[in-house]
PDB file of N, CA and C in Angstrom:
ATOM      1  N   UNK A   1       9.950   8.967   1.736  1.00  0.00           N
ATOM      2  CA  UNK A   1       9.608   9.887   0.689  1.00  0.00           C
ATOM      3  C   UNK A   1       8.107  10.154   0.748  1.00  0.00           C
ATOM      4  N   UNK A   2       7.735  11.400   0.825  1.00  0.00           N
ATOM      5  CA  UNK A   2       6.328  11.774   0.866  1.00  0.00           C
ATOM      6  C   UNK A   2       5.816  11.979  -0.546  1.00  0.00           C
ATOM      7  N   UNK A   3       4.572  11.593  -0.755  1.00  0.00           N
ATOM      8  CA  UNK A   3       3.962  11.717  -2.065  1.00  0.00           C
ATOM      9  C   UNK A   3       2.455  11.806  -1.910  1.00  0.00           C
ATOM     10  N   UNK A   4       1.789  12.202  -2.986  1.00  0.00           N
ATOM     11  CA  UNK A   4       0.339  12.309  -3.013  1.00  0.00           C
ATOM     12  C   UNK A   4      -0.168  11.472  -4.171  1.00  0.00           C
ATOM     13  N   UNK A   5      -1.177  10.652  -3.927  1.00  0.00           N
ATOM     14  CA  UNK A   5      -1.755   9.844  -4.989  1.00  0.00           C
ATOM     15  C   UNK A   5      -2.725  10.728  -5.760  1.00  0.00           C
ATOM     16  N   UNK A   6      -2.455  10.897  -7.041  1.00  0.00           N
ATOM     17  CA  UNK A   6      -3.302  11.740  -7.887  1.00  0.00           C
ATOM     18  C   UNK A   6      -4.445  10.926  -8.472  1.00  0.00           C
ATOM     19  N   UNK A   7      -4.111   9.757  -9.009  1.00  0.00           N
ATOM     20  CA  UNK A   7      -5.118   8.955  -9.678  1.00  0.00           C
ATOM     21  C   UNK A   7      -4.767   7.482  -9.532  1.00  0.00           C
ATOM     22  N   UNK A   8      -5.731   6.703  -9.053  1.00  0.00           N
ATOM     23  CA  UNK A   8      -5.557   5.253  -8.983  1.00  0.00           C
ATOM     24  C   UNK A   8      -5.849   4.663 -10.352  1.00  0.00           C
ATOM     25  N   UNK A   9      -5.039   3.718 -10.761  1.00  0.00           N
ATOM     26  CA  UNK A   9      -5.281   3.052 -12.032  1.00  0.00           C
ATOM     27  C   UNK A   9      -6.092   1.775 -11.810  1.00  0.00           C
ATOM     28  N   UNK A  10      -6.331   1.434 -10.587  1.00  0.00           N
ATOM     29  CA  UNK A  10      -7.176   0.318 -10.171  1.00  0.00           C
ATOM     30  C   UNK A  10      -6.756  -1.036 -10.711  1.00  0.00           C
ATOM     31  N   UNK A  11      -5.489  -1.233 -10.937  1.00  0.00           N
ATOM     32  CA  UNK A  11      -4.967  -2.547 -11.282  1.00  0.00           C
ATOM     33  C   UNK A  11      -4.469  -3.180  -9.990  1.00  0.00           C
ATOM     34  N   UNK A  12      -5.390  -3.349  -9.047  1.00  0.00           N
ATOM     35  CA  UNK A  12      -5.040  -3.804  -7.704  1.00  0.00           C
ATOM     36  C   UNK A  12      -4.919  -5.324  -7.693  1.00  0.00           C
ATOM     37  N   UNK A  13      -3.821  -5.806  -7.105  1.00  0.00           N
ATOM     38  CA  UNK A  13      -3.593  -7.244  -6.975  1.00  0.00           C
ATOM     39  C   UNK A  13      -3.213  -7.567  -5.538  1.00  0.00           C
ATOM     40  N   UNK A  14      -3.696  -8.700  -5.050  1.00  0.00           N
ATOM     41  CA  UNK A  14      -3.356  -9.164  -3.710  1.00  0.00           C
ATOM     42  C   UNK A  14      -2.030  -9.909  -3.791  1.00  0.00           C
ATOM     43  N   UNK A  15      -1.095  -9.519  -2.919  1.00  0.00           N
ATOM     44  CA  UNK A  15       0.213 -10.171  -2.877  1.00  0.00           C
ATOM     45  C   UNK A  15       0.219 -11.279  -1.828  1.00  0.00           C
ATOM     46  N   UNK A  16      -0.337 -10.990  -0.644  1.00  0.00           N
ATOM     47  CA  UNK A  16      -0.333 -11.962   0.453  1.00  0.00           C
ATOM     48  C   UNK A  16      -1.540 -11.712   1.356  1.00  0.00           C
ATOM     49  N   UNK A  17      -1.971 -12.774   2.053  1.00  0.00           N
ATOM     50  CA  UNK A  17      -3.111 -12.683   2.964  1.00  0.00           C
ATOM     51  C   UNK A  17      -2.773 -13.406   4.256  1.00  0.00           C
ATOM     52  N   UNK A  18      -3.162 -12.801   5.383  1.00  0.00           N
ATOM     53  CA  UNK A  18      -3.038 -13.447   6.692  1.00  0.00           C
ATOM     54  C   UNK A  18      -1.621 -13.812   7.082  1.00  0.00           C
ATOM     55  N   UNK A  19      -1.420 -15.065   7.474  1.00  0.00           N
ATOM     56  CA  UNK A  19      -0.134 -15.505   8.004  1.00  0.00           C
ATOM     57  C   UNK A  19       0.982 -15.561   6.962  1.00  0.00           C
ATOM     58  N   UNK A  20       0.655 -15.437   5.691  1.00  0.00           N
ATOM     59  CA  UNK A  20       1.709 -15.403   4.676  1.00  0.00           C
ATOM     60  C   UNK A  20       2.368 -14.029   4.585  1.00  0.00           C
ATOM     61  N   UNK A  21       1.840 -13.039   5.306  1.00  0.00           N
ATOM     62  CA  UNK A  21       2.486 -11.725   5.400  1.00  0.00           C
ATOM     63  C   UNK A  21       3.585 -11.830   6.449  1.00  0.00           C
ATOM     64  N   UNK A  22       4.808 -11.430   6.078  1.00  0.00           N
ATOM     65  CA  UNK A  22       5.939 -11.556   6.998  1.00  0.00           C
ATOM     66  C   UNK A  22       5.765 -10.723   8.259  1.00  0.00           C
ATOM     67  N   UNK A  23       5.146  -9.571   8.156  1.00  0.00           N
ATOM     68  CA  UNK A  23       5.048  -8.654   9.285  1.00  0.00           C
ATOM     69  C   UNK A  23       3.666  -8.665   9.942  1.00  0.00           C
ATOM     70  N   UNK A  24       2.976  -9.779   9.888  1.00  0.00           N
ATOM     71  CA  UNK A  24       1.606  -9.850  10.392  1.00  0.00           C
ATOM     72  C   UNK A  24       1.511  -9.559  11.889  1.00  0.00           C
ATOM     73  N   UNK A  25       2.440 -10.040  12.661  1.00  0.00           N
ATOM     74  CA  UNK A  25       2.399  -9.804  14.107  1.00  0.00           C
ATOM     75  C   UNK A  25       2.567  -8.324  14.431  1.00  0.00           C
ATOM     76  N   UNK A  26       3.469  -7.647  13.736  1.00  0.00           N
ATOM     77  CA  UNK A  26       3.669  -6.211  13.959  1.00  0.00           C
ATOM     78  C   UNK A  26       2.422  -5.421  13.562  1.00  0.00           C
ATOM     79  N   UNK A  27       1.789  -5.808  12.460  1.00  0.00           N
ATOM     80  CA  UNK A  27       0.571  -5.129  12.025  1.00  0.00           C
ATOM     81  C   UNK A  27      -0.543  -5.289  13.053  1.00  0.00           C
ATOM     82  N   UNK A  28      -0.714  -6.500  13.551  1.00  0.00           N
ATOM     83  CA  UNK A  28      -1.755  -6.752  14.553  1.00  0.00           C
ATOM     84  C   UNK A  28      -1.471  -6.003  15.852  1.00  0.00           C
ATOM     85  N   UNK A  29      -0.215  -5.943  16.237  1.00  0.00           N
ATOM     86  CA  UNK A  29       0.171  -5.242  17.464  1.00  0.00           C
ATOM     87  C   UNK A  29      -0.021  -3.726  17.319  1.00  0.00           C
ATOM     88  N   UNK A  30       0.318  -3.188  16.158  1.00  0.00           N
ATOM     89  CA  UNK A  30       0.250  -1.747  15.936  1.00  0.00           C
ATOM     90  C   UNK A  30      -1.156  -1.260  15.642  1.00  0.00           C
ATOM     91  N   UNK A  31      -1.884  -1.948  14.747  1.00  0.00           N
ATOM     92  CA  UNK A  31      -3.168  -1.448  14.269  1.00  0.00           C
ATOM     93  C   UNK A  31      -4.373  -2.258  14.739  1.00  0.00           C
ATOM     94  N   UNK A  32      -4.160  -3.457  15.257  1.00  0.00           N
ATOM     95  CA  UNK A  32      -5.263  -4.286  15.716  1.00  0.00           C
ATOM     96  C   UNK A  32      -5.446  -5.513  14.839  1.00  0.00           C
ATOM     97  N   UNK A  33      -6.237  -6.435  15.352  1.00  0.00           N
ATOM     98  CA  UNK A  33      -6.449  -7.679  14.602  1.00  0.00           C
ATOM     99  C   UNK A  33      -7.478  -7.432  13.506  1.00  0.00           C
ATOM    100  N   UNK A  34      -7.358  -8.191  12.473  1.00  0.00           N
ATOM    101  CA  UNK A  34      -8.250  -8.084  11.325  1.00  0.00           C
ATOM    102  C   UNK A  34      -7.767  -9.032  10.255  1.00  0.00           C
ATOM    103  N   UNK A  35      -8.470  -9.074   9.151  1.00  0.00           N
ATOM    104  CA  UNK A  35      -8.054  -9.906   8.022  1.00  0.00           C
ATOM    105  C   UNK A  35      -7.107  -9.088   7.162  1.00  0.00           C
ATOM    106  N   UNK A  36      -5.825  -9.156   7.496  1.00  0.00           N
ATOM    107  CA  UNK A  36      -4.811  -8.341   6.839  1.00  0.00           C
ATOM    108  C   UNK A  36      -4.457  -8.894   5.473  1.00  0.00           C
ATOM    109  N   UNK A  37      -4.292  -7.978   4.522  1.00  0.00           N
ATOM    110  CA  UNK A  37      -3.863  -8.325   3.170  1.00  0.00           C
ATOM    111  C   UNK A  37      -2.779  -7.348   2.748  1.00  0.00           C
ATOM    112  N   UNK A  38      -1.826  -7.827   1.952  1.00  0.00           N
ATOM    113  CA  UNK A  38      -0.832  -6.955   1.343  1.00  0.00           C
ATOM    114  C   UNK A  38      -1.215  -6.834  -0.122  1.00  0.00           C
ATOM    115  N   UNK A  39      -1.336  -5.583  -0.607  1.00  0.00           N
ATOM    116  CA  UNK A  39      -1.788  -5.342  -1.963  1.00  0.00           C
ATOM    117  C   UNK A  39      -0.820  -4.456  -2.728  1.00  0.00           C
ATOM    118  N   UNK A  40      -0.981  -4.439  -4.053  1.00  0.00           N
ATOM    119  CA  UNK A  40      -0.178  -3.557  -4.885  1.00  0.00           C
ATOM    120  C   UNK A  40      -1.055  -3.006  -5.994  1.00  0.00           C
ATOM    121  N   UNK A  41      -0.671  -1.836  -6.506  1.00  0.00           N
ATOM    122  CA  UNK A  41      -1.354  -1.228  -7.632  1.00  0.00           C
ATOM    123  C   UNK A  41      -0.402  -0.279  -8.337  1.00  0.00           C
ATOM    124  N   UNK A  42      -0.781   0.137  -9.513  1.00  0.00           N
ATOM    125  CA  UNK A  42      -0.039   1.156 -10.245  1.00  0.00           C
ATOM    126  C   UNK A  42      -0.883   2.419 -10.210  1.00  0.00           C
ATOM    127  N   UNK A  43      -0.254   3.540  -9.831  1.00  0.00           N
ATOM    128  CA  UNK A  43      -0.986   4.795  -9.685  1.00  0.00           C
ATOM    129  C   UNK A  43      -0.127   5.967 -10.134  1.00  0.00           C
ATOM    130  N   UNK A  44      -0.791   7.063 -10.480  1.00  0.00           N
ATOM    131  CA  UNK A  44      -0.091   8.316 -10.752  1.00  0.00           C
ATOM    132  C   UNK A  44       0.105   9.034  -9.429  1.00  0.00           C
ATOM    133  N   UNK A  45       1.322   9.492  -9.181  1.00  0.00           N
ATOM    134  CA  UNK A  45       1.626  10.162  -7.916  1.00  0.00           C
ATOM    135  C   UNK A  45       2.347  11.476  -8.176  1.00  0.00           C
ATOM    136  N   UNK A  46       2.262  12.371  -7.194  1.00  0.00           N
ATOM    137  CA  UNK A  46       3.007  13.628  -7.235  1.00  0.00           C
ATOM    138  C   UNK A  46       3.993  13.612  -6.083  1.00  0.00           C
ATOM    139  N   UNK A  47       5.271  13.761  -6.403  1.00  0.00           N
ATOM    140  CA  UNK A  47       6.323  13.784  -5.392  1.00  0.00           C
ATOM    141  C   UNK A  47       6.414  15.172  -4.764  1.00  0.00           C
ATOM    142  N   UNK A  48       7.192  15.301  -3.693  1.00  0.00           N
ATOM    143  CA  UNK A  48       7.350  16.582  -2.996  1.00  0.00           C
ATOM    144  C   UNK A  48       7.864  17.690  -3.895  1.00  0.00           C
ATOM    145  N   UNK A  49       8.714  17.359  -4.854  1.00  0.00           N
ATOM    146  CA  UNK A  49       9.277  18.385  -5.736  1.00  0.00           C
ATOM    147  C   UNK A  49       8.340  18.761  -6.880  1.00  0.00           C
ATOM    148  N   UNK A  50       7.133  18.177  -6.922  1.00  0.00           N
ATOM    149  CA  UNK A  50       6.148  18.503  -7.946  1.00  0.00           C
ATOM    150  C   UNK A  50       6.151  17.578  -9.138  1.00  0.00           C
ATOM    151  N   UNK A  51       7.084  16.658  -9.198  1.00  0.00           N
ATOM    152  CA  UNK A  51       7.176  15.714 -10.303  1.00  0.00           C
ATOM    153  C   UNK A  51       5.990  14.759 -10.266  1.00  0.00           C
ATOM    154  N   UNK A  52       5.371  14.547 -11.421  1.00  0.00           N
ATOM    155  CA  UNK A  52       4.264  13.595 -11.528  1.00  0.00           C
ATOM    156  C   UNK A  52       4.759  12.394 -12.320  1.00  0.00           C
ATOM    157  N   UNK A  53       4.534  11.200 -11.776  1.00  0.00           N
ATOM    158  CA  UNK A  53       4.975   9.983 -12.453  1.00  0.00           C
ATOM    159  C   UNK A  53       4.080   8.831 -12.041  1.00  0.00           C
ATOM    160  N   UNK A  54       4.254   7.700 -12.705  1.00  0.00           N
ATOM    161  CA  UNK A  54       3.550   6.480 -12.335  1.00  0.00           C
ATOM    162  C   UNK A  54       4.483   5.612 -11.514  1.00  0.00           C
ATOM    163  N   UNK A  55       3.907   4.949 -10.524  1.00  0.00           N
ATOM    164  CA  UNK A  55       4.711   4.107  -9.645  1.00  0.00           C
ATOM    165  C   UNK A  55       3.891   2.910  -9.191  1.00  0.00           C
ATOM    166  N   UNK A  56       4.600   1.866  -8.810  1.00  0.00           N
ATOM    167  CA  UNK A  56       3.955   0.709  -8.195  1.00  0.00           C
ATOM    168  C   UNK A  56       3.937   0.947  -6.701  1.00  0.00           C
ATOM    169  N   UNK A  57       2.746   0.915  -6.111  1.00  0.00           N
ATOM    170  CA  UNK A  57       2.574   1.156  -4.680  1.00  0.00           C
ATOM    171  C   UNK A  57       2.214  -0.149  -3.983  1.00  0.00           C
ATOM    172  N   UNK A  58       2.755  -0.345  -2.792  1.00  0.00           N
ATOM    173  CA  UNK A  58       2.414  -1.488  -1.941  1.00  0.00           C
ATOM    174  C   UNK A  58       1.860  -0.953  -0.630  1.00  0.00           C
ATOM    175  N   UNK A  59       0.897  -1.665  -0.050  1.00  0.00           N
ATOM    176  CA  UNK A  59       0.344  -1.271   1.238  1.00  0.00           C
ATOM    177  C   UNK A  59      -0.317  -2.473   1.908  1.00  0.00           C
ATOM    178  N   UNK A  60      -0.642  -2.289   3.187  1.00  0.00           N
ATOM    179  CA  UNK A  60      -1.370  -3.296   3.960  1.00  0.00           C
ATOM    180  C   UNK A  60      -2.775  -2.769   4.181  1.00  0.00           C
ATOM    181  N   UNK A  61      -3.751  -3.685   4.245  1.00  0.00           N
ATOM    182  CA  UNK A  61      -5.135  -3.282   4.402  1.00  0.00           C
ATOM    183  C   UNK A  61      -5.889  -4.350   5.192  1.00  0.00           C
ATOM    184  N   UNK A  62      -6.785  -3.901   6.056  1.00  0.00           N
ATOM    185  CA  UNK A  62      -7.660  -4.813   6.784  1.00  0.00           C
ATOM    186  C   UNK A  62      -9.054  -4.196   6.831  1.00  0.00           C
ATOM    187  N   UNK A  63     -10.066  -5.034   6.811  1.00  0.00           N
ATOM    188  CA  UNK A  63     -11.443  -4.563   6.857  1.00  0.00           C
ATOM    189  C   UNK A  63     -11.694  -3.809   8.164  1.00  0.00           C
ATOM    190  N   UNK A  64     -12.241  -2.631   8.065  1.00  0.00           N
ATOM    191  CA  UNK A  64     -12.523  -1.816   9.239  1.00  0.00           C
ATOM    192  C   UNK A  64     -11.345  -0.990   9.714  1.00  0.00           C
ATOM    193  N   UNK A  65     -10.162  -1.247   9.194  1.00  0.00           N
ATOM    194  CA  UNK A  65      -8.962  -0.511   9.590  1.00  0.00           C
ATOM    195  C   UNK A  65      -8.484   0.378   8.444  1.00  0.00           C
ATOM    196  N   UNK A  66      -8.545  -0.117   7.220  1.00  0.00           N
ATOM    197  CA  UNK A  66      -8.185   0.675   6.047  1.00  0.00           C
ATOM    198  C   UNK A  66      -6.758   0.469   5.594  1.00  0.00           C
ATOM    199  N   UNK A  67      -6.331   1.337   4.642  1.00  0.00           N
ATOM    200  CA  UNK A  67      -4.980   1.262   4.088  1.00  0.00           C
ATOM    201  C   UNK A  67      -3.972   1.779   5.091  1.00  0.00           C
ATOM    202  N   UNK A  68      -2.887   1.056   5.252  1.00  0.00           N
ATOM    203  CA  UNK A  68      -1.810   1.456   6.158  1.00  0.00           C
ATOM    204  C   UNK A  68      -0.472   1.251   5.468  1.00  0.00           C
ATOM    205  N   UNK A  69       0.469   2.120   5.768  1.00  0.00           N
ATOM    206  CA  UNK A  69       1.866   2.003   5.338  1.00  0.00           C
ATOM    207  C   UNK A  69       2.007   1.920   3.823  1.00  0.00           C
ATOM    208  N   UNK A  70       1.433   2.875   3.111  1.00  0.00           N
ATOM    209  CA  UNK A  70       1.570   2.926   1.662  1.00  0.00           C
ATOM    210  C   UNK A  70       2.997   3.337   1.324  1.00  0.00           C
ATOM    211  N   UNK A  71       3.638   2.586   0.429  1.00  0.00           N
ATOM    212  CA  UNK A  71       5.017   2.917   0.045  1.00  0.00           C
ATOM    213  C   UNK A  71       5.202   2.727  -1.451  1.00  0.00           C
ATOM    214  N   UNK A  72       6.165   3.454  -1.995  1.00  0.00           N
ATOM    215  CA  UNK A  72       6.527   3.339  -3.391  1.00  0.00           C
ATOM    216  C   UNK A  72       7.488   2.173  -3.529  1.00  0.00           C
ATOM    217  N   UNK A  73       7.122   1.204  -4.332  1.00  0.00           N
ATOM    218  CA  UNK A  73       7.994   0.043  -4.550  1.00  0.00           C
ATOM    219  C   UNK A  73       8.958   0.322  -5.707  1.00  0.00           C
ATOM    220  N   UNK A  74       8.446   0.870  -6.815  1.00  0.00           N
ATOM    221  CA  UNK A  74       9.309   1.229  -7.935  1.00  0.00           C
ATOM    222  C   UNK A  74       8.604   2.250  -8.819  1.00  0.00           C
ATOM    223  N   UNK A  75       9.400   3.026  -9.550  1.00  0.00           N
ATOM    224  CA  UNK A  75       8.869   3.992 -10.505  1.00  0.00           C
ATOM    225  C   UNK A  75       8.792   3.327 -11.867  1.00  0.00           C
ATOM    226  N   UNK A  76       7.758   3.661 -12.618  1.00  0.00           N
ATOM    227  CA  UNK A  76       7.565   3.049 -13.943  1.00  0.00           C
ATOM    228  C   UNK A  76       7.797   4.067 -15.042  1.00  0.00           C
TER     229      UNK A  76
END
């Protein structure tokens, strides 16, 4: 599902770091080595059909690499 982040609510929390991430090997193979973290936040998003809502987003992030694989975990 494609979406656009309209506004971050900045309630960012770290879910996992380093080897506690289940997909750490795939992340390192695909994007490179780094200090990988899995994070979550609540943000306002716009869906493809124009609907605006709040959702919990999850993504992976590493210093120097940035946010990767942002996905909607649930709608609020």
